[in-house]
Amino acid sequence: MGDPGQAIRHALDVAIQAQQACFHALHPDLEGREVEAIGRKIVAEGNLSSYFLYSGVHSVGVIEFEPPIFGPSSPA
């Protein structure tokens, strides 16, 4: 398969950092928009905002984009 290259490694590292930060920030009173903002901040710091095109935080369910979806306007 070969070496994925530095850009792909960087993108994966940033994605993992964002996911972990969102996970560790979760608590019952946190609104969805706050969770999403945590992830977006890390992606922006990694200079990858142009690739964050839609809400990246959602529940784990049986259908794609099953609510709640944490986005900039989501209190979920």
C-alpha atoms as a PDB file:
ATOM      1  CA  MET A   1       0.000   0.000   0.000  1.00  0.00           C
ATOM      2  CA  GLY A   2       2.891   2.364   0.555  1.00  0.00           C
ATOM      3  CA  ASP A   3       3.537   5.350   2.720  1.00  0.00           C
ATOM      4  CA  PRO A   4       0.440   7.564   3.057  1.00  0.00           C
ATOM      5  CA  GLY A   5       2.587  10.677   3.258  1.00  0.00           C
ATOM      6  CA  GLN A   6       2.905  13.465   5.784  1.00  0.00           C
ATOM      7  CA  ALA A   7      -0.339  15.251   4.819  1.00  0.00           C
ATOM      8  CA  ILE A   8      -2.471  12.159   5.412  1.00  0.00           C
ATOM      9  CA  ARG A   9      -0.686  11.377   8.682  1.00  0.00           C
ATOM     10  CA  HIS A  10      -1.280  14.958   9.830  1.00  0.00           C
ATOM     11  CA  ALA A  11      -4.987  14.825   8.923  1.00  0.00           C
ATOM     12  CA  LEU A  12      -5.425  11.550  10.788  1.00  0.00           C
ATOM     13  CA  ASP A  13      -3.588  12.871  13.853  1.00  0.00           C
ATOM     14  CA  VAL A  14      -5.796  15.976  13.922  1.00  0.00           C
ATOM     15  CA  ALA A  15      -8.965  13.897  13.509  1.00  0.00           C
ATOM     16  CA  ILE A  16      -7.957  11.640  16.398  1.00  0.00           C
ATOM     17  CA  GLN A  17      -7.136  14.648  18.602  1.00  0.00           C
ATOM     18  CA  ALA A  18     -10.508  16.239  17.814  1.00  0.00           C
ATOM     19  CA  GLN A  19     -12.401  13.013  18.500  1.00  0.00           C
ATOM     20  CA  GLN A  20     -10.645  12.451  21.811  1.00  0.00           C
ATOM     21  CA  ALA A  21     -11.173  16.049  22.934  1.00  0.00           C
ATOM     22  CA  CYS A  22     -14.892  15.851  22.142  1.00  0.00           C
ATOM     23  CA  PHE A  23     -15.201  12.540  23.965  1.00  0.00           C
ATOM     24  CA  HIS A  24     -13.391  13.773  27.071  1.00  0.00           C
ATOM     25  CA  ALA A  25     -15.455  16.980  27.179  1.00  0.00           C
ATOM     26  CA  LEU A  26     -18.814  15.178  27.257  1.00  0.00           C
ATOM     27  CA  HIS A  27     -20.998  15.665  30.303  1.00  0.00           C
ATOM     28  CA  PRO A  28     -24.790  15.827  30.798  1.00  0.00           C
ATOM     29  CA  ASP A  29     -25.145  19.641  30.689  1.00  0.00           C
ATOM     30  CA  LEU A  30     -22.966  20.207  27.612  1.00  0.00           C
ATOM     31  CA  GLU A  31     -24.879  21.316  24.520  1.00  0.00           C
ATOM     32  CA  GLY A  32     -24.248  19.727  21.150  1.00  0.00           C
ATOM     33  CA  ARG A  33     -22.974  22.969  19.651  1.00  0.00           C
ATOM     34  CA  GLU A  34     -20.317  23.125  22.385  1.00  0.00           C
ATOM     35  CA  VAL A  35     -19.080  19.622  21.596  1.00  0.00           C
ATOM     36  CA  GLU A  36     -18.919  20.411  17.902  1.00  0.00           C
ATOM     37  CA  ALA A  37     -17.041  23.670  18.594  1.00  0.00           C
ATOM     38  CA  ILE A  38     -14.359  21.744  20.492  1.00  0.00           C
ATOM     39  CA  GLY A  39     -13.721  19.536  17.476  1.00  0.00           C
ATOM     40  CA  ARG A  40     -13.815  22.439  15.017  1.00  0.00           C
ATOM     41  CA  LYS A  41     -11.265  24.383  17.071  1.00  0.00           C
ATOM     42  CA  ILE A  42      -8.778  21.520  16.945  1.00  0.00           C
ATOM     43  CA  VAL A  43      -9.329  21.032  13.222  1.00  0.00           C
ATOM     44  CA  ALA A  44      -8.793  24.778  12.670  1.00  0.00           C
ATOM     45  CA  GLU A  45      -5.594  24.707  14.721  1.00  0.00           C
ATOM     46  CA  GLY A  46      -4.420  21.898  12.429  1.00  0.00           C
ATOM     47  CA  ASN A  47      -5.122  24.122   9.392  1.00  0.00           C
ATOM     48  CA  LEU A  48      -7.723  21.678   8.098  1.00  0.00           C
ATOM     49  CA  SER A  49     -10.944  23.740   8.412  1.00  0.00           C
ATOM     50  CA  SER A  50     -11.522  23.641   4.668  1.00  0.00           C
ATOM     51  CA  TYR A  51     -12.097  19.880   5.006  1.00  0.00           C
ATOM     52  CA  PHE A  52     -14.642  20.165   7.857  1.00  0.00           C
ATOM     53  CA  LEU A  53     -17.652  20.651   5.579  1.00  0.00           C
ATOM     54  CA  TYR A  54     -20.487  19.408   7.770  1.00  0.00           C
ATOM     55  CA  SER A  55     -21.248  18.527  11.333  1.00  0.00           C
ATOM     56  CA  GLY A  56     -18.828  15.846  12.356  1.00  0.00           C
ATOM     57  CA  VAL A  57     -20.366  14.784  15.656  1.00  0.00           C
ATOM     58  CA  HIS A  58     -23.435  12.561  15.779  1.00  0.00           C
ATOM     59  CA  SER A  59     -24.883   9.714  17.760  1.00  0.00           C
ATOM     60  CA  VAL A  60     -24.052   6.101  17.111  1.00  0.00           C
ATOM     61  CA  GLY A  61     -27.189   4.443  15.817  1.00  0.00           C
ATOM     62  CA  VAL A  62     -28.557   2.285  13.080  1.00  0.00           C
ATOM     63  CA  ILE A  63     -29.006   4.949  10.395  1.00  0.00           C
ATOM     64  CA  GLU A  64     -26.694   7.580   8.963  1.00  0.00           C
ATOM     65  CA  PHE A  65     -27.042  10.992  10.620  1.00  0.00           C
ATOM     66  CA  GLU A  66     -29.320   9.684  13.353  1.00  0.00           C
ATOM     67  CA  PRO A  67     -30.206  12.406  15.874  1.00  0.00           C
ATOM     68  CA  PRO A  68     -28.883  13.939  17.918  1.00  0.00           C
ATOM     69  CA  ILE A  69     -26.444  15.594  15.560  1.00  0.00           C
ATOM     70  CA  PHE A  70     -24.134  18.090  17.235  1.00  0.00           C
ATOM     71  CA  GLY A  71     -23.727  21.125  15.029  1.00  0.00           C
ATOM     72  CA  PRO A  72     -23.204  24.878  15.360  1.00  0.00           C
ATOM     73  CA  SER A  73     -26.916  25.434  16.102  1.00  0.00           C
ATOM     74  CA  SER A  74     -27.653  22.204  17.976  1.00  0.00           C
ATOM     75  CA  PRO A  75     -28.647  22.334  21.639  1.00  0.00           C
ATOM     76  CA  ALA A  76     -29.008  18.521  21.659  1.00  0.00           C
END
